[in-house]
Amino acid sequence: MIQRIQTLYLLLALLCMGLLLFLPFGEIATKTSETISLSIEGFDYQENGETQNFSVLPLTIMLALSVLTTLVSIFLFKKRMLQIRLNVFNLIIQVGSIGLMFYFLFQANKLVGEAWTSHITIILPAIAAIFTYLAIRSIGKDEALVRSISRLR
């Protein structure tokens, strides 16, 4: 299992998406000259004297789903076609999470800030998507090899 190159690609993708669960992906400079770090926990802000919560729950769900799908896919090494399908689904989730990160940065900036900056961690889903794509290709090569060998019998 671990000696296959696609497992290593999937472990690297898992690491990239897992890091996003703990690291912030952007910062917002507010109108009161303070900096708010935006991560999957969201942040609290004041509006009309009340404390409001800016939640990024859809992004949290997508990141957790991507980590879970990658982890399940690693252990499905005997079912290559199912593994390919799960990884294609995971690839879509990873690309969608990039869009959601930018969406939440823009929304948070519109709500409380004057300027926003993204951290280097915002490219982690793109790196994970590249590793997932490489894993899909390697799994496809394995499946083609197995089919060609069984054809010769």
N, C-alpha and C. Protein backbone atom coordinates (compact mmCIF):
# COMPACT_ATOMS: atom_id res chain seq x y z
N MET A 1 0.82 -1.19 0.00
CA MET A 1 0.00 0.00 0.00
C MET A 1 0.87 1.26 0.00
N ILE A 2 1.76 1.40 0.99
CA ILE A 2 2.56 2.62 1.09
C ILE A 2 3.64 2.69 0.02
N GLN A 3 4.00 1.55 -0.56
CA GLN A 3 5.06 1.57 -1.57
C GLN A 3 4.57 2.06 -2.93
N ARG A 4 3.27 2.19 -3.10
CA ARG A 4 2.75 2.68 -4.37
C ARG A 4 2.86 4.20 -4.42
N ILE A 5 3.22 4.73 -5.57
CA ILE A 5 3.46 6.17 -5.70
C ILE A 5 2.18 6.95 -5.49
N GLN A 6 1.02 6.38 -5.90
CA GLN A 6 -0.23 7.11 -5.72
C GLN A 6 -0.58 7.26 -4.24
N THR A 7 -0.15 6.34 -3.41
CA THR A 7 -0.38 6.48 -1.97
C THR A 7 0.43 7.65 -1.42
N LEU A 8 1.63 7.80 -1.91
CA LEU A 8 2.44 8.94 -1.48
C LEU A 8 1.83 10.26 -1.95
N TYR A 9 1.32 10.29 -3.19
CA TYR A 9 0.64 11.48 -3.68
C TYR A 9 -0.57 11.80 -2.81
N LEU A 10 -1.33 10.78 -2.46
CA LEU A 10 -2.53 11.00 -1.64
C LEU A 10 -2.16 11.43 -0.22
N LEU A 11 -1.07 10.92 0.32
CA LEU A 11 -0.63 11.36 1.64
C LEU A 11 -0.20 12.82 1.62
N LEU A 12 0.46 13.24 0.54
CA LEU A 12 0.84 14.65 0.42
C LEU A 12 -0.38 15.54 0.27
N ALA A 13 -1.38 15.08 -0.49
CA ALA A 13 -2.63 15.84 -0.62
C ALA A 13 -3.35 15.91 0.72
N LEU A 14 -3.32 14.82 1.46
CA LEU A 14 -3.93 14.80 2.80
C LEU A 14 -3.24 15.77 3.73
N LEU A 15 -1.93 15.84 3.66
CA LEU A 15 -1.17 16.77 4.48
C LEU A 15 -1.51 18.21 4.14
N CYS A 16 -1.59 18.52 2.84
CA CYS A 16 -1.91 19.89 2.42
C CYS A 16 -3.30 20.32 2.90
N MET A 17 -4.29 19.45 2.73
CA MET A 17 -5.65 19.81 3.13
C MET A 17 -5.79 19.77 4.66
N GLY A 18 -5.05 18.90 5.32
CA GLY A 18 -5.10 18.84 6.77
C GLY A 18 -4.49 20.08 7.43
N LEU A 19 -3.47 20.64 6.81
CA LEU A 19 -2.86 21.85 7.35
C LEU A 19 -3.84 23.02 7.34
N LEU A 20 -4.72 23.06 6.36
CA LEU A 20 -5.68 24.15 6.28
C LEU A 20 -6.68 24.13 7.43
N LEU A 21 -6.86 22.98 8.05
CA LEU A 21 -7.76 22.91 9.20
C LEU A 21 -7.17 23.62 10.42
N PHE A 22 -5.86 23.88 10.41
CA PHE A 22 -5.21 24.48 11.56
C PHE A 22 -4.59 25.85 11.29
N LEU A 23 -4.35 26.19 10.04
CA LEU A 23 -3.67 27.44 9.71
C LEU A 23 -4.64 28.47 9.14
N PRO A 24 -4.41 29.75 9.40
CA PRO A 24 -5.25 30.78 8.79
C PRO A 24 -4.92 30.93 7.30
N PHE A 25 -5.90 31.37 6.53
CA PHE A 25 -5.67 31.53 5.10
C PHE A 25 -5.76 32.97 4.64
N GLY A 26 -6.02 33.89 5.53
CA GLY A 26 -6.05 35.29 5.15
C GLY A 26 -6.13 36.20 6.35
N GLU A 27 -5.88 37.49 6.10
CA GLU A 27 -5.99 38.50 7.13
C GLU A 27 -6.78 39.68 6.59
N ILE A 28 -7.51 40.32 7.48
CA ILE A 28 -8.32 41.48 7.10
C ILE A 28 -7.93 42.64 8.00
N ALA A 29 -7.58 43.76 7.38
CA ALA A 29 -7.29 44.97 8.13
C ALA A 29 -8.62 45.71 8.31
N THR A 30 -9.05 45.88 9.56
CA THR A 30 -10.35 46.49 9.83
C THR A 30 -10.25 48.01 9.79
N LYS A 31 -11.39 48.64 9.91
CA LYS A 31 -11.46 50.11 9.89
C LYS A 31 -10.86 50.73 11.14
N THR A 32 -10.75 49.94 12.21
CA THR A 32 -10.17 50.42 13.45
C THR A 32 -8.69 50.07 13.57
N SER A 33 -8.04 49.76 12.46
CA SER A 33 -6.61 49.48 12.36
C SER A 33 -6.17 48.23 13.11
N GLU A 34 -7.06 47.30 13.30
CA GLU A 34 -6.64 46.02 13.86
C GLU A 34 -6.67 44.98 12.74
N THR A 35 -5.98 43.88 12.97
CA THR A 35 -5.90 42.82 11.97
C THR A 35 -6.63 41.59 12.48
N ILE A 36 -7.51 41.08 11.66
CA ILE A 36 -8.26 39.87 12.00
C ILE A 36 -7.75 38.75 11.11
N SER A 37 -7.38 37.65 11.74
CA SER A 37 -6.92 36.49 11.00
C SER A 37 -8.12 35.61 10.67
N LEU A 38 -8.24 35.21 9.41
CA LEU A 38 -9.38 34.42 8.96
C LEU A 38 -8.94 32.96 8.79
N SER A 39 -9.54 32.09 9.57
CA SER A 39 -9.29 30.66 9.48
C SER A 39 -10.63 29.95 9.47
N ILE A 40 -10.63 28.64 9.63
CA ILE A 40 -11.90 27.91 9.55
C ILE A 40 -12.79 28.17 10.76
N GLU A 41 -12.26 28.80 11.80
CA GLU A 41 -13.07 29.12 12.97
C GLU A 41 -13.88 30.40 12.78
N GLY A 42 -13.56 31.18 11.76
CA GLY A 42 -14.24 32.45 11.56
C GLY A 42 -13.69 33.48 12.53
N PHE A 43 -14.49 34.52 12.82
CA PHE A 43 -14.08 35.53 13.78
C PHE A 43 -15.32 36.24 14.31
N ASP A 44 -15.13 36.96 15.41
CA ASP A 44 -16.20 37.76 16.00
C ASP A 44 -15.94 39.22 15.68
N TYR A 45 -17.00 39.98 15.46
CA TYR A 45 -16.88 41.40 15.17
C TYR A 45 -18.05 42.14 15.82
N GLN A 46 -17.88 43.44 15.95
CA GLN A 46 -18.91 44.28 16.57
C GLN A 46 -19.74 44.97 15.48
N GLU A 47 -21.05 44.88 15.61
CA GLU A 47 -21.95 45.58 14.68
C GLU A 47 -23.11 46.12 15.50
N ASN A 48 -23.26 47.44 15.48
CA ASN A 48 -24.32 48.14 16.23
C ASN A 48 -24.27 47.79 17.72
N GLY A 49 -23.09 47.67 18.26
CA GLY A 49 -22.93 47.39 19.68
C GLY A 49 -23.09 45.93 20.06
N GLU A 50 -23.41 45.07 19.11
CA GLU A 50 -23.59 43.65 19.39
C GLU A 50 -22.42 42.85 18.78
N THR A 51 -22.08 41.78 19.45
CA THR A 51 -21.04 40.91 18.93
C THR A 51 -21.67 39.92 17.96
N GLN A 52 -21.16 39.91 16.74
CA GLN A 52 -21.62 39.00 15.70
C GLN A 52 -20.51 38.00 15.39
N ASN A 53 -20.89 36.88 14.84
CA ASN A 53 -19.92 35.85 14.48
C ASN A 53 -19.92 35.69 12.96
N PHE A 54 -18.75 35.77 12.35
CA PHE A 54 -18.60 35.50 10.92
C PHE A 54 -18.14 34.05 10.79
N SER A 55 -19.02 33.22 10.30
CA SER A 55 -18.76 31.79 10.24
C SER A 55 -18.38 31.36 8.82
N VAL A 56 -17.44 30.45 8.74
CA VAL A 56 -17.02 29.87 7.46
C VAL A 56 -17.31 28.37 7.48
N LEU A 57 -18.47 28.01 8.00
CA LEU A 57 -18.84 26.60 8.16
C LEU A 57 -18.83 25.82 6.85
N PRO A 58 -19.33 26.36 5.71
CA PRO A 58 -19.25 25.58 4.47
C PRO A 58 -17.82 25.22 4.06
N LEU A 59 -16.91 26.14 4.29
CA LEU A 59 -15.50 25.86 3.99
C LEU A 59 -14.95 24.80 4.93
N THR A 60 -15.32 24.86 6.19
CA THR A 60 -14.88 23.86 7.15
C THR A 60 -15.37 22.47 6.76
N ILE A 61 -16.63 22.40 6.33
CA ILE A 61 -17.20 21.13 5.89
C ILE A 61 -16.47 20.61 4.65
N MET A 62 -16.20 21.49 3.70
CA MET A 62 -15.50 21.06 2.48
C MET A 62 -14.09 20.57 2.78
N LEU A 63 -13.37 21.25 3.65
CA LEU A 63 -12.02 20.82 3.99
C LEU A 63 -12.03 19.49 4.74
N ALA A 64 -12.96 19.34 5.68
CA ALA A 64 -13.06 18.08 6.41
C ALA A 64 -13.47 16.94 5.48
N LEU A 65 -14.38 17.22 4.55
CA LEU A 65 -14.81 16.20 3.59
C LEU A 65 -13.66 15.79 2.67
N SER A 66 -12.84 16.75 2.28
CA SER A 66 -11.69 16.45 1.44
C SER A 66 -10.67 15.58 2.19
N VAL A 67 -10.41 15.92 3.44
CA VAL A 67 -9.48 15.12 4.25
C VAL A 67 -10.02 13.71 4.43
N LEU A 68 -11.30 13.60 4.74
CA LEU A 68 -11.91 12.28 4.95
C LEU A 68 -11.91 11.46 3.66
N THR A 69 -12.23 12.08 2.53
CA THR A 69 -12.25 11.38 1.26
C THR A 69 -10.85 10.90 0.87
N THR A 70 -9.86 11.72 1.10
CA THR A 70 -8.49 11.32 0.80
C THR A 70 -8.05 10.16 1.68
N LEU A 71 -8.40 10.23 2.95
CA LEU A 71 -8.03 9.16 3.88
C LEU A 71 -8.70 7.85 3.50
N VAL A 72 -9.97 7.89 3.14
CA VAL A 72 -10.68 6.68 2.72
C VAL A 72 -10.09 6.14 1.42
N SER A 73 -9.75 7.04 0.53
CA SER A 73 -9.20 6.63 -0.76
C SER A 73 -7.86 5.92 -0.62
N ILE A 74 -7.07 6.31 0.36
CA ILE A 74 -5.79 5.65 0.57
C ILE A 74 -5.99 4.17 0.90
N PHE A 75 -7.01 3.87 1.68
CA PHE A 75 -7.22 2.49 2.11
C PHE A 75 -8.05 1.66 1.14
N LEU A 76 -8.48 2.24 0.03
CA LEU A 76 -9.20 1.50 -1.00
C LEU A 76 -8.28 1.10 -2.14
N PHE A 77 -7.06 0.72 -1.82
CA PHE A 77 -6.07 0.44 -2.85
C PHE A 77 -6.39 -0.82 -3.65
N LYS A 78 -7.26 -1.69 -3.15
CA LYS A 78 -7.62 -2.89 -3.91
C LYS A 78 -8.77 -2.63 -4.88
N LYS A 79 -9.49 -1.54 -4.68
CA LYS A 79 -10.61 -1.19 -5.56
C LYS A 79 -10.23 0.07 -6.33
N ARG A 80 -9.47 -0.12 -7.39
CA ARG A 80 -8.88 1.00 -8.11
C ARG A 80 -9.90 1.91 -8.78
N MET A 81 -10.95 1.36 -9.36
CA MET A 81 -11.94 2.21 -10.05
C MET A 81 -12.71 3.07 -9.04
N LEU A 82 -13.05 2.52 -7.90
CA LEU A 82 -13.69 3.30 -6.85
C LEU A 82 -12.75 4.37 -6.32
N GLN A 83 -11.48 4.02 -6.23
CA GLN A 83 -10.47 4.97 -5.78
C GLN A 83 -10.35 6.14 -6.76
N ILE A 84 -10.41 5.85 -8.05
CA ILE A 84 -10.36 6.92 -9.06
C ILE A 84 -11.58 7.83 -8.92
N ARG A 85 -12.76 7.24 -8.76
CA ARG A 85 -13.98 8.05 -8.64
C ARG A 85 -13.95 8.94 -7.40
N LEU A 86 -13.49 8.38 -6.29
CA LEU A 86 -13.38 9.18 -5.07
C LEU A 86 -12.39 10.32 -5.23
N ASN A 87 -11.30 10.05 -5.93
CA ASN A 87 -10.30 11.10 -6.12
C ASN A 87 -10.77 12.18 -7.08
N VAL A 88 -11.57 11.83 -8.07
CA VAL A 88 -12.16 12.86 -8.94
C VAL A 88 -13.11 13.74 -8.14
N PHE A 89 -13.92 13.12 -7.28
CA PHE A 89 -14.80 13.88 -6.39
C PHE A 89 -13.98 14.78 -5.47
N ASN A 90 -12.90 14.25 -4.95
CA ASN A 90 -12.02 15.01 -4.07
C ASN A 90 -11.37 16.18 -4.81
N LEU A 91 -11.01 15.97 -6.05
CA LEU A 91 -10.43 17.04 -6.86
C LEU A 91 -11.41 18.19 -7.03
N ILE A 92 -12.67 17.87 -7.26
CA ILE A 92 -13.70 18.90 -7.38
C ILE A 92 -13.85 19.66 -6.06
N ILE A 93 -13.82 18.95 -4.95
CA ILE A 93 -13.92 19.60 -3.64
C ILE A 93 -12.73 20.53 -3.40
N GLN A 94 -11.55 20.09 -3.78
CA GLN A 94 -10.36 20.91 -3.56
C GLN A 94 -10.39 22.19 -4.37
N VAL A 95 -10.81 22.09 -5.61
CA VAL A 95 -10.91 23.29 -6.45
C VAL A 95 -12.01 24.21 -5.92
N GLY A 96 -13.11 23.62 -5.48
CA GLY A 96 -14.19 24.42 -4.91
C GLY A 96 -13.79 25.12 -3.62
N SER A 97 -12.93 24.50 -2.84
CA SER A 97 -12.50 25.12 -1.59
C SER A 97 -11.63 26.35 -1.85
N ILE A 98 -10.91 26.37 -2.95
CA ILE A 98 -10.14 27.58 -3.30
C ILE A 98 -11.09 28.74 -3.55
N GLY A 99 -12.14 28.47 -4.32
CA GLY A 99 -13.13 29.50 -4.59
C GLY A 99 -13.84 29.97 -3.33
N LEU A 100 -14.16 29.04 -2.44
CA LEU A 100 -14.82 29.42 -1.19
C LEU A 100 -13.92 30.26 -0.29
N MET A 101 -12.62 29.98 -0.29
CA MET A 101 -11.71 30.78 0.51
C MET A 101 -11.71 32.23 0.05
N PHE A 102 -11.61 32.43 -1.25
CA PHE A 102 -11.64 33.79 -1.78
C PHE A 102 -12.99 34.45 -1.54
N TYR A 103 -14.07 33.70 -1.66
CA TYR A 103 -15.41 34.24 -1.41
C TYR A 103 -15.51 34.73 0.03
N PHE A 104 -15.07 33.92 0.99
CA PHE A 104 -15.16 34.34 2.39
C PHE A 104 -14.22 35.50 2.70
N LEU A 105 -13.07 35.55 2.04
CA LEU A 105 -12.19 36.71 2.23
C LEU A 105 -12.86 37.99 1.74
N PHE A 106 -13.49 37.93 0.57
CA PHE A 106 -14.18 39.11 0.03
C PHE A 106 -15.36 39.51 0.91
N GLN A 107 -16.13 38.53 1.37
CA GLN A 107 -17.29 38.83 2.22
C GLN A 107 -16.86 39.42 3.56
N ALA A 108 -15.83 38.88 4.16
CA ALA A 108 -15.34 39.40 5.43
C ALA A 108 -14.77 40.80 5.25
N ASN A 109 -14.09 41.02 4.15
CA ASN A 109 -13.55 42.34 3.87
C ASN A 109 -14.67 43.35 3.67
N LYS A 110 -15.70 42.95 2.98
CA LYS A 110 -16.84 43.84 2.75
C LYS A 110 -17.55 44.16 4.06
N LEU A 111 -17.53 43.22 4.98
CA LEU A 111 -18.26 43.36 6.24
C LEU A 111 -17.53 44.24 7.24
N VAL A 112 -16.24 43.98 7.46
CA VAL A 112 -15.53 44.68 8.53
C VAL A 112 -14.23 45.35 8.12
N GLY A 113 -13.78 45.14 6.91
CA GLY A 113 -12.42 45.57 6.61
C GLY A 113 -12.29 46.64 5.56
N GLU A 114 -11.07 47.07 5.44
CA GLU A 114 -10.68 48.00 4.40
C GLU A 114 -9.77 47.34 3.38
N ALA A 115 -9.00 46.37 3.83
CA ALA A 115 -8.07 45.67 2.93
C ALA A 115 -7.91 44.24 3.44
N TRP A 116 -7.58 43.36 2.52
CA TRP A 116 -7.36 41.97 2.90
C TRP A 116 -6.10 41.48 2.22
N THR A 117 -5.48 40.51 2.87
CA THR A 117 -4.32 39.84 2.29
C THR A 117 -4.51 38.34 2.50
N SER A 118 -4.03 37.59 1.56
CA SER A 118 -4.11 36.14 1.71
C SER A 118 -2.74 35.62 2.13
N HIS A 119 -2.76 34.55 2.88
CA HIS A 119 -1.51 33.90 3.28
C HIS A 119 -1.08 32.93 2.20
N ILE A 120 0.10 32.43 2.33
CA ILE A 120 0.63 31.44 1.39
C ILE A 120 -0.16 30.14 1.50
N THR A 121 -0.84 29.93 2.63
CA THR A 121 -1.60 28.70 2.82
C THR A 121 -2.81 28.61 1.90
N ILE A 122 -3.17 29.68 1.25
CA ILE A 122 -4.33 29.64 0.36
C ILE A 122 -4.05 28.82 -0.90
N ILE A 123 -2.77 28.55 -1.19
CA ILE A 123 -2.45 27.73 -2.36
C ILE A 123 -2.38 26.24 -2.03
N LEU A 124 -2.54 25.90 -0.75
CA LEU A 124 -2.47 24.48 -0.38
C LEU A 124 -3.52 23.61 -1.07
N PRO A 125 -4.78 24.08 -1.25
CA PRO A 125 -5.72 23.24 -2.01
C PRO A 125 -5.30 23.03 -3.46
N ALA A 126 -4.65 24.02 -4.06
CA ALA A 126 -4.17 23.86 -5.43
C ALA A 126 -3.05 22.81 -5.49
N ILE A 127 -2.17 22.85 -4.51
CA ILE A 127 -1.11 21.84 -4.45
C ILE A 127 -1.70 20.46 -4.22
N ALA A 128 -2.70 20.40 -3.33
CA ALA A 128 -3.37 19.12 -3.06
C ALA A 128 -4.09 18.62 -4.31
N ALA A 129 -4.68 19.54 -5.09
CA ALA A 129 -5.35 19.14 -6.33
C ALA A 129 -4.36 18.58 -7.33
N ILE A 130 -3.16 19.14 -7.39
CA ILE A 130 -2.13 18.61 -8.29
C ILE A 130 -1.73 17.20 -7.85
N PHE A 131 -1.52 17.02 -6.55
CA PHE A 131 -1.17 15.68 -6.06
C PHE A 131 -2.30 14.68 -6.30
N THR A 132 -3.53 15.12 -6.14
CA THR A 132 -4.67 14.23 -6.38
C THR A 132 -4.74 13.85 -7.85
N TYR A 133 -4.49 14.80 -8.73
CA TYR A 133 -4.49 14.51 -10.17
C TYR A 133 -3.39 13.50 -10.51
N LEU A 134 -2.21 13.69 -9.93
CA LEU A 134 -1.12 12.74 -10.18
C LEU A 134 -1.47 11.35 -9.65
N ALA A 135 -2.17 11.30 -8.52
CA ALA A 135 -2.60 10.01 -7.98
C ALA A 135 -3.62 9.34 -8.91
N ILE A 136 -4.53 10.12 -9.46
CA ILE A 136 -5.52 9.57 -10.40
C ILE A 136 -4.83 8.97 -11.61
N ARG A 137 -3.85 9.68 -12.12
CA ARG A 137 -3.10 9.15 -13.28
C ARG A 137 -2.37 7.87 -12.94
N SER A 138 -1.74 7.82 -11.77
CA SER A 138 -1.01 6.62 -11.37
C SER A 138 -1.94 5.44 -11.13
N ILE A 139 -3.10 5.69 -10.54
CA ILE A 139 -4.07 4.63 -10.32
C ILE A 139 -4.58 4.12 -11.66
N GLY A 140 -4.81 5.02 -12.61
CA GLY A 140 -5.23 4.62 -13.95
C GLY A 140 -4.20 3.76 -14.65
N LYS A 141 -2.93 4.10 -14.47
CA LYS A 141 -1.86 3.27 -15.06
C LYS A 141 -1.84 1.88 -14.43
N ASP A 142 -2.03 1.81 -13.12
CA ASP A 142 -2.10 0.50 -12.46
C ASP A 142 -3.26 -0.32 -12.98
N GLU A 143 -4.40 0.31 -13.14
CA GLU A 143 -5.59 -0.40 -13.64
C GLU A 143 -5.36 -0.89 -15.06
N ALA A 144 -4.74 -0.07 -15.90
CA ALA A 144 -4.44 -0.49 -17.28
C ALA A 144 -3.46 -1.66 -17.29
N LEU A 145 -2.48 -1.63 -16.40
CA LEU A 145 -1.51 -2.72 -16.31
C LEU A 145 -2.19 -4.02 -15.87
N VAL A 146 -3.05 -3.94 -14.89
CA VAL A 146 -3.75 -5.14 -14.41
C VAL A 146 -4.65 -5.71 -15.50
N ARG A 147 -5.33 -4.84 -16.22
CA ARG A 147 -6.21 -5.32 -17.29
C ARG A 147 -5.42 -5.94 -18.44
N SER A 148 -4.27 -5.38 -18.75
CA SER A 148 -3.47 -5.95 -19.84
C SER A 148 -2.87 -7.30 -19.46
N ILE A 149 -2.53 -7.46 -18.21
CA ILE A 149 -1.98 -8.74 -17.76
C ILE A 149 -3.07 -9.81 -17.75
N SER A 150 -4.28 -9.45 -17.31
CA SER A 150 -5.35 -10.46 -17.28
C SER A 150 -5.84 -10.80 -18.68
N ARG A 151 -5.57 -9.96 -19.64
CA ARG A 151 -5.94 -10.23 -21.02
C ARG A 151 -5.06 -11.31 -21.63
N LEU A 152 -3.82 -11.42 -21.15
CA LEU A 152 -2.88 -12.38 -21.71
C LEU A 152 -3.13 -13.81 -21.27
N ARG A 153 -3.86 -13.99 -20.21
CA ARG A 153 -4.08 -15.35 -19.69
C ARG A 153 -4.97 -16.15 -20.55
